[in-house]
């Protein structure tokens, strides 16, 4: 960043040159080719240490399942699509959407397996598509019990991709019946519970 020193009684002229950002576009469909409208998409920047952060823009698919994210600065990105899910409780009593399916362009729920798009402004990168599988998905369900064997009635269950703790699904444990995640892509995940 340019630092400007201001002395009392003086004025200085500062010029700011804006650079038009790049764009990423694509579509979200199911594996049978049906477009999926109104899906929330987020671009995440890949850092030099291999982790990801929220620095880029966000978008939604239109009625035909197409999306476009504009004004992206030069960087390497992955695209995350989030299907709408139920809300889960968080600290302070607020709710966040956490039980919907997360899937990345390039396939699966793992950011490390996602397609990486290296953006150089002002270019547009098309065809960064997300395909939601209709077959070959799995469900995870079960009960949560305390060390003395009695069943826990209230808890928040999170499902993490192995070695990727920042991306998880969450579902509240119902007071009756088992907790469950459904329509998971075929990848190993490790469930964790929190009371």
C-alpha atoms as a PDB file:
ATOM      1  CA  UNK A   1       0.000   0.000   0.000  1.00  0.00           C
ATOM      2  CA  UNK A   2       1.117   3.552  -0.687  1.00  0.00           C
ATOM      3  CA  UNK A   3       1.737   5.539   2.485  1.00  0.00           C
ATOM      4  CA  UNK A   4       1.059   9.281   2.374  1.00  0.00           C
ATOM      5  CA  UNK A   5       2.613  11.613   4.955  1.00  0.00           C
ATOM      6  CA  UNK A   6       0.494  14.692   5.614  1.00  0.00           C
ATOM      7  CA  UNK A   7       2.100  17.788   7.127  1.00  0.00           C
ATOM      8  CA  UNK A   8      -0.025  20.544   8.619  1.00  0.00           C
ATOM      9  CA  UNK A   9      -0.830  23.232   6.030  1.00  0.00           C
ATOM     10  CA  UNK A  10       0.069  21.019   3.018  1.00  0.00           C
ATOM     11  CA  UNK A  11      -1.998  19.055   0.557  1.00  0.00           C
ATOM     12  CA  UNK A  12      -0.876  16.133  -1.540  1.00  0.00           C
ATOM     13  CA  UNK A  13      -2.260  14.634  -4.717  1.00  0.00           C
ATOM     14  CA  UNK A  14      -2.714  10.862  -4.696  1.00  0.00           C
ATOM     15  CA  UNK A  15      -3.674   8.900  -7.792  1.00  0.00           C
ATOM     16  CA  UNK A  16      -5.430   5.560  -7.533  1.00  0.00           C
ATOM     17  CA  UNK A  17      -5.464   3.305 -10.588  1.00  0.00           C
ATOM     18  CA  UNK A  18      -8.152   0.649 -10.592  1.00  0.00           C
ATOM     19  CA  UNK A  19      -7.671  -2.623 -12.427  1.00  0.00           C
ATOM     20  CA  UNK A  20     -10.660  -4.491 -13.794  1.00  0.00           C
ATOM     21  CA  UNK A  21     -10.912  -7.905 -12.152  1.00  0.00           C
ATOM     22  CA  UNK A  22     -11.230 -11.312 -13.772  1.00  0.00           C
ATOM     23  CA  UNK A  23     -14.300 -13.553 -13.922  1.00  0.00           C
ATOM     24  CA  UNK A  24     -15.139 -17.205 -13.360  1.00  0.00           C
ATOM     25  CA  UNK A  25     -18.329 -18.664 -14.815  1.00  0.00           C
ATOM     26  CA  UNK A  26     -19.956 -22.040 -15.196  1.00  0.00           C
ATOM     27  CA  UNK A  27     -23.059 -24.032 -14.364  1.00  0.00           C
ATOM     28  CA  UNK A  28     -24.420 -26.303 -11.658  1.00  0.00           C
ATOM     29  CA  UNK A  29     -26.213 -29.450 -12.812  1.00  0.00           C
ATOM     30  CA  UNK A  30     -27.136 -32.855 -11.480  1.00  0.00           C
ATOM     31  CA  UNK A  31     -25.418 -35.889 -12.999  1.00  0.00           C
ATOM     32  CA  UNK A  32     -28.361 -36.398 -15.388  1.00  0.00           C
ATOM     33  CA  UNK A  33     -27.827 -32.909 -16.831  1.00  0.00           C
ATOM     34  CA  UNK A  34     -30.675 -31.124 -15.036  1.00  0.00           C
ATOM     35  CA  UNK A  35     -29.725 -27.512 -14.151  1.00  0.00           C
ATOM     36  CA  UNK A  36     -29.846 -26.558 -10.471  1.00  0.00           C
ATOM     37  CA  UNK A  37     -31.096 -22.994  -9.934  1.00  0.00           C
ATOM     38  CA  UNK A  38     -30.396 -20.619  -7.036  1.00  0.00           C
ATOM     39  CA  UNK A  39     -27.342 -22.368  -5.631  1.00  0.00           C
ATOM     40  CA  UNK A  40     -25.000 -20.176  -3.570  1.00  0.00           C
ATOM     41  CA  UNK A  41     -21.416 -20.182  -4.900  1.00  0.00           C
ATOM     42  CA  UNK A  42     -18.313 -18.842  -3.214  1.00  0.00           C
ATOM     43  CA  UNK A  43     -14.829 -18.326  -4.637  1.00  0.00           C
ATOM     44  CA  UNK A  44     -12.054 -19.192  -2.204  1.00  0.00           C
ATOM     45  CA  UNK A  45      -8.437 -18.123  -2.678  1.00  0.00           C
ATOM     46  CA  UNK A  46      -5.740 -20.779  -2.488  1.00  0.00           C
ATOM     47  CA  UNK A  47      -2.862 -19.535  -0.326  1.00  0.00           C
ATOM     48  CA  UNK A  48       0.794 -20.437  -0.760  1.00  0.00           C
ATOM     49  CA  UNK A  49       0.630 -22.880   2.180  1.00  0.00           C
ATOM     50  CA  UNK A  50      -2.147 -24.858   0.467  1.00  0.00           C
ATOM     51  CA  UNK A  51      -5.018 -23.599   2.636  1.00  0.00           C
ATOM     52  CA  UNK A  52      -7.989 -21.568   1.421  1.00  0.00           C
ATOM     53  CA  UNK A  53      -9.535 -18.287   2.515  1.00  0.00           C
ATOM     54  CA  UNK A  54     -12.586 -16.183   1.662  1.00  0.00           C
ATOM     55  CA  UNK A  55     -11.219 -13.320  -0.397  1.00  0.00           C
ATOM     56  CA  UNK A  56     -13.054 -13.542  -3.687  1.00  0.00           C
ATOM     57  CA  UNK A  57     -16.639 -12.766  -4.632  1.00  0.00           C
ATOM     58  CA  UNK A  58     -19.839 -14.750  -4.335  1.00  0.00           C
ATOM     59  CA  UNK A  59     -22.780 -15.447  -6.619  1.00  0.00           C
ATOM     60  CA  UNK A  60     -25.902 -17.573  -7.163  1.00  0.00           C
ATOM     61  CA  UNK A  61     -26.944 -19.667 -10.117  1.00  0.00           C
ATOM     62  CA  UNK A  62     -29.772 -18.234 -12.190  1.00  0.00           C
ATOM     63  CA  UNK A  63     -32.959 -20.090 -13.121  1.00  0.00           C
ATOM     64  CA  UNK A  64     -31.042 -22.094 -15.750  1.00  0.00           C
ATOM     65  CA  UNK A  65     -28.242 -23.120 -13.361  1.00  0.00           C
ATOM     66  CA  UNK A  66     -25.617 -20.669 -14.725  1.00  0.00           C
ATOM     67  CA  UNK A  67     -23.391 -18.452 -12.582  1.00  0.00           C
ATOM     68  CA  UNK A  68     -20.703 -15.807 -13.011  1.00  0.00           C
ATOM     69  CA  UNK A  69     -18.420 -14.306 -10.351  1.00  0.00           C
ATOM     70  CA  UNK A  70     -16.867 -10.971 -11.396  1.00  0.00           C
ATOM     71  CA  UNK A  71     -14.182  -8.557 -10.208  1.00  0.00           C
ATOM     72  CA  UNK A  72     -11.750 -11.192  -8.940  1.00  0.00           C
ATOM     73  CA  UNK A  73      -8.181 -10.018  -8.290  1.00  0.00           C
ATOM     74  CA  UNK A  74      -5.264 -12.054  -9.653  1.00  0.00           C
ATOM     75  CA  UNK A  75      -5.039 -15.251  -7.598  1.00  0.00           C
ATOM     76  CA  UNK A  76      -5.754 -18.994  -7.676  1.00  0.00           C
ATOM     77  CA  UNK A  77      -9.346 -19.914  -6.785  1.00  0.00           C
ATOM     78  CA  UNK A  78     -11.599 -22.866  -6.085  1.00  0.00           C
ATOM     79  CA  UNK A  79     -15.391 -22.633  -6.391  1.00  0.00           C
ATOM     80  CA  UNK A  80     -17.662 -23.960  -3.640  1.00  0.00           C
ATOM     81  CA  UNK A  81     -21.348 -24.640  -4.243  1.00  0.00           C
ATOM     82  CA  UNK A  82     -23.595 -24.830  -1.188  1.00  0.00           C
ATOM     83  CA  UNK A  83     -26.973 -26.515  -1.396  1.00  0.00           C
ATOM     84  CA  UNK A  84     -29.560 -25.072   0.947  1.00  0.00           C
ATOM     85  CA  UNK A  85     -29.892 -26.949   4.200  1.00  0.00           C
ATOM     86  CA  UNK A  86     -31.392 -26.555   7.633  1.00  0.00           C
ATOM     87  CA  UNK A  87     -29.970 -24.136  10.133  1.00  0.00           C
ATOM     88  CA  UNK A  88     -27.881 -25.272  13.058  1.00  0.00           C
ATOM     89  CA  UNK A  89     -27.394 -23.446  16.370  1.00  0.00           C
ATOM     90  CA  UNK A  90     -24.160 -21.592  16.998  1.00  0.00           C
ATOM     91  CA  UNK A  91     -22.799 -19.544  19.893  1.00  0.00           C
ATOM     92  CA  UNK A  92     -25.002 -16.613  20.811  1.00  0.00           C
ATOM     93  CA  UNK A  93     -28.232 -18.285  19.683  1.00  0.00           C
ATOM     94  CA  UNK A  94     -27.862 -17.390  16.000  1.00  0.00           C
ATOM     95  CA  UNK A  95     -28.479 -19.921  13.236  1.00  0.00           C
ATOM     96  CA  UNK A  96     -26.412 -20.734  10.157  1.00  0.00           C
ATOM     97  CA  UNK A  97     -27.113 -22.976   7.188  1.00  0.00           C
ATOM     98  CA  UNK A  98     -24.927 -25.953   7.838  1.00  0.00           C
ATOM     99  CA  UNK A  99     -26.652 -29.190   6.915  1.00  0.00           C
ATOM    100  CA  UNK A 100     -26.871 -28.682   3.149  1.00  0.00           C
ATOM    101  CA  UNK A 101     -24.509 -30.411   0.748  1.00  0.00           C
ATOM    102  CA  UNK A 102     -21.199 -28.685  -0.041  1.00  0.00           C
ATOM    103  CA  UNK A 103     -19.547 -29.573  -3.340  1.00  0.00           C
ATOM    104  CA  UNK A 104     -16.635 -28.085  -5.267  1.00  0.00           C
ATOM    105  CA  UNK A 105     -16.081 -27.503  -8.963  1.00  0.00           C
ATOM    106  CA  UNK A 106     -14.002 -30.441 -10.107  1.00  0.00           C
ATOM    107  CA  UNK A 107     -15.850 -32.878  -7.880  1.00  0.00           C
ATOM    108  CA  UNK A 108     -16.453 -33.875  -4.316  1.00  0.00           C
ATOM    109  CA  UNK A 109     -16.467 -32.222  -0.922  1.00  0.00           C
ATOM    110  CA  UNK A 110     -12.720 -31.900  -0.532  1.00  0.00           C
ATOM    111  CA  UNK A 111     -11.188 -28.500  -1.367  1.00  0.00           C
ATOM    112  CA  UNK A 112      -7.847 -30.179  -2.059  1.00  0.00           C
ATOM    113  CA  UNK A 113      -9.536 -32.195  -4.852  1.00  0.00           C
ATOM    114  CA  UNK A 114     -11.257 -29.151  -6.373  1.00  0.00           C
ATOM    115  CA  UNK A 115     -10.355 -27.639  -9.727  1.00  0.00           C
ATOM    116  CA  UNK A 116      -7.985 -24.698  -9.205  1.00  0.00           C
ATOM    117  CA  UNK A 117      -8.527 -21.719 -11.526  1.00  0.00           C
ATOM    118  CA  UNK A 118      -5.634 -19.266 -11.778  1.00  0.00           C
ATOM    119  CA  UNK A 119      -7.199 -15.907 -12.620  1.00  0.00           C
ATOM    120  CA  UNK A 120      -5.322 -13.178 -14.463  1.00  0.00           C
ATOM    121  CA  UNK A 121      -7.472 -10.063 -14.819  1.00  0.00           C
ATOM    122  CA  UNK A 122      -9.349  -9.054 -16.898  1.00  0.00           C
ATOM    123  CA  UNK A 123      -9.808 -12.539 -18.417  1.00  0.00           C
ATOM    124  CA  UNK A 124     -12.921 -14.686 -17.977  1.00  0.00           C
ATOM    125  CA  UNK A 125     -12.581 -18.385 -17.168  1.00  0.00           C
ATOM    126  CA  UNK A 126     -15.618 -20.288 -18.420  1.00  0.00           C
ATOM    127  CA  UNK A 127     -16.774 -23.852 -17.886  1.00  0.00           C
ATOM    128  CA  UNK A 128     -15.938 -24.079 -14.189  1.00  0.00           C
ATOM    129  CA  UNK A 129     -18.863 -26.417 -13.617  1.00  0.00           C
ATOM    130  CA  UNK A 130     -20.237 -28.251 -10.607  1.00  0.00           C
ATOM    131  CA  UNK A 131     -21.944 -31.615 -11.036  1.00  0.00           C
ATOM    132  CA  UNK A 132     -24.095 -32.973  -8.208  1.00  0.00           C
ATOM    133  CA  UNK A 133     -24.208 -36.799  -8.237  1.00  0.00           C
ATOM    134  CA  UNK A 134     -27.594 -38.497  -8.084  1.00  0.00           C
ATOM    135  CA  UNK A 135     -26.205 -42.004  -7.652  1.00  0.00           C
ATOM    136  CA  UNK A 136     -23.342 -43.468  -5.661  1.00  0.00           C
ATOM    137  CA  UNK A 137     -23.936 -41.182  -2.672  1.00  0.00           C
ATOM    138  CA  UNK A 138     -24.030 -42.389   0.903  1.00  0.00           C
ATOM    139  CA  UNK A 139     -25.631 -41.678   4.260  1.00  0.00           C
ATOM    140  CA  UNK A 140     -24.132 -41.556   7.738  1.00  0.00           C
ATOM    141  CA  UNK A 141     -26.357 -42.016  10.796  1.00  0.00           C
ATOM    142  CA  UNK A 142     -26.121 -43.107  14.391  1.00  0.00           C
ATOM    143  CA  UNK A 143     -26.733 -42.319  18.046  1.00  0.00           C
ATOM    144  CA  UNK A 144     -24.643 -40.241  20.436  1.00  0.00           C
ATOM    145  CA  UNK A 145     -24.082 -41.763  23.863  1.00  0.00           C
ATOM    146  CA  UNK A 146     -22.288 -40.598  26.976  1.00  0.00           C
ATOM    147  CA  UNK A 147     -19.479 -42.625  28.510  1.00  0.00           C
ATOM    148  CA  UNK A 148     -21.971 -44.188  30.969  1.00  0.00           C
ATOM    149  CA  UNK A 149     -24.123 -45.439  28.062  1.00  0.00           C
ATOM    150  CA  UNK A 150     -27.119 -43.104  28.234  1.00  0.00           C
ATOM    151  CA  UNK A 151     -28.164 -41.410  25.019  1.00  0.00           C
ATOM    152  CA  UNK A 152     -27.457 -37.691  24.491  1.00  0.00           C
ATOM    153  CA  UNK A 153     -30.555 -35.773  23.381  1.00  0.00           C
ATOM    154  CA  UNK A 154     -29.061 -32.391  22.445  1.00  0.00           C
ATOM    155  CA  UNK A 155     -25.826 -31.961  20.519  1.00  0.00           C
ATOM    156  CA  UNK A 156     -24.422 -30.596  17.284  1.00  0.00           C
ATOM    157  CA  UNK A 157     -22.836 -33.195  14.987  1.00  0.00           C
ATOM    158  CA  UNK A 158     -20.254 -32.132  12.426  1.00  0.00           C
ATOM    159  CA  UNK A 159     -18.900 -34.211   9.553  1.00  0.00           C
ATOM    160  CA  UNK A 160     -15.388 -33.244   8.437  1.00  0.00           C
ATOM    161  CA  UNK A 161     -13.481 -34.358   5.346  1.00  0.00           C
ATOM    162  CA  UNK A 162     -10.334 -36.105   6.570  1.00  0.00           C
ATOM    163  CA  UNK A 163      -7.522 -33.611   7.316  1.00  0.00           C
ATOM    164  CA  UNK A 164      -9.653 -30.663   6.155  1.00  0.00           C
ATOM    165  CA  UNK A 165     -11.140 -29.173   9.354  1.00  0.00           C
ATOM    166  CA  UNK A 166     -12.350 -25.868   7.879  1.00  0.00           C
ATOM    167  CA  UNK A 167     -15.040 -27.434   5.663  1.00  0.00           C
ATOM    168  CA  UNK A 168     -17.759 -29.377   7.415  1.00  0.00           C
ATOM    169  CA  UNK A 169     -21.411 -30.322   7.362  1.00  0.00           C
ATOM    170  CA  UNK A 170     -23.430 -29.890  10.542  1.00  0.00           C
ATOM    171  CA  UNK A 171     -26.742 -31.154  11.839  1.00  0.00           C
ATOM    172  CA  UNK A 172     -28.406 -30.804  15.240  1.00  0.00           C
ATOM    173  CA  UNK A 173     -29.004 -34.011  17.135  1.00  0.00           C
ATOM    174  CA  UNK A 174     -32.780 -34.474  17.391  1.00  0.00           C
ATOM    175  CA  UNK A 175     -34.325 -35.284  20.740  1.00  0.00           C
ATOM    176  CA  UNK A 176     -35.766 -38.481  19.227  1.00  0.00           C
ATOM    177  CA  UNK A 177     -34.161 -40.772  16.665  1.00  0.00           C
ATOM    178  CA  UNK A 178     -30.651 -40.990  15.183  1.00  0.00           C
ATOM    179  CA  UNK A 179     -28.659 -38.144  13.711  1.00  0.00           C
ATOM    180  CA  UNK A 180     -28.073 -38.452   9.969  1.00  0.00           C
ATOM    181  CA  UNK A 181     -26.256 -36.977   6.961  1.00  0.00           C
ATOM    182  CA  UNK A 182     -27.566 -37.991   3.553  1.00  0.00           C
ATOM    183  CA  UNK A 183     -26.508 -37.754  -0.115  1.00  0.00           C
ATOM    184  CA  UNK A 184     -22.790 -37.652   0.663  1.00  0.00           C
ATOM    185  CA  UNK A 185     -20.359 -38.136  -2.232  1.00  0.00           C
ATOM    186  CA  UNK A 186     -18.241 -41.266  -2.086  1.00  0.00           C
ATOM    187  CA  UNK A 187     -15.373 -40.004   0.063  1.00  0.00           C
ATOM    188  CA  UNK A 188     -14.212 -40.796   3.571  1.00  0.00           C
ATOM    189  CA  UNK A 189     -15.360 -38.387   6.270  1.00  0.00           C
ATOM    190  CA  UNK A 190     -14.890 -38.362   9.999  1.00  0.00           C
ATOM    191  CA  UNK A 191     -17.876 -37.379  12.204  1.00  0.00           C
ATOM    192  CA  UNK A 192     -17.376 -35.445  15.395  1.00  0.00           C
ATOM    193  CA  UNK A 193     -19.913 -34.432  18.000  1.00  0.00           C
ATOM    194  CA  UNK A 194     -20.216 -31.381  20.213  1.00  0.00           C
ATOM    195  CA  UNK A 195     -22.609 -30.841  23.070  1.00  0.00           C
END
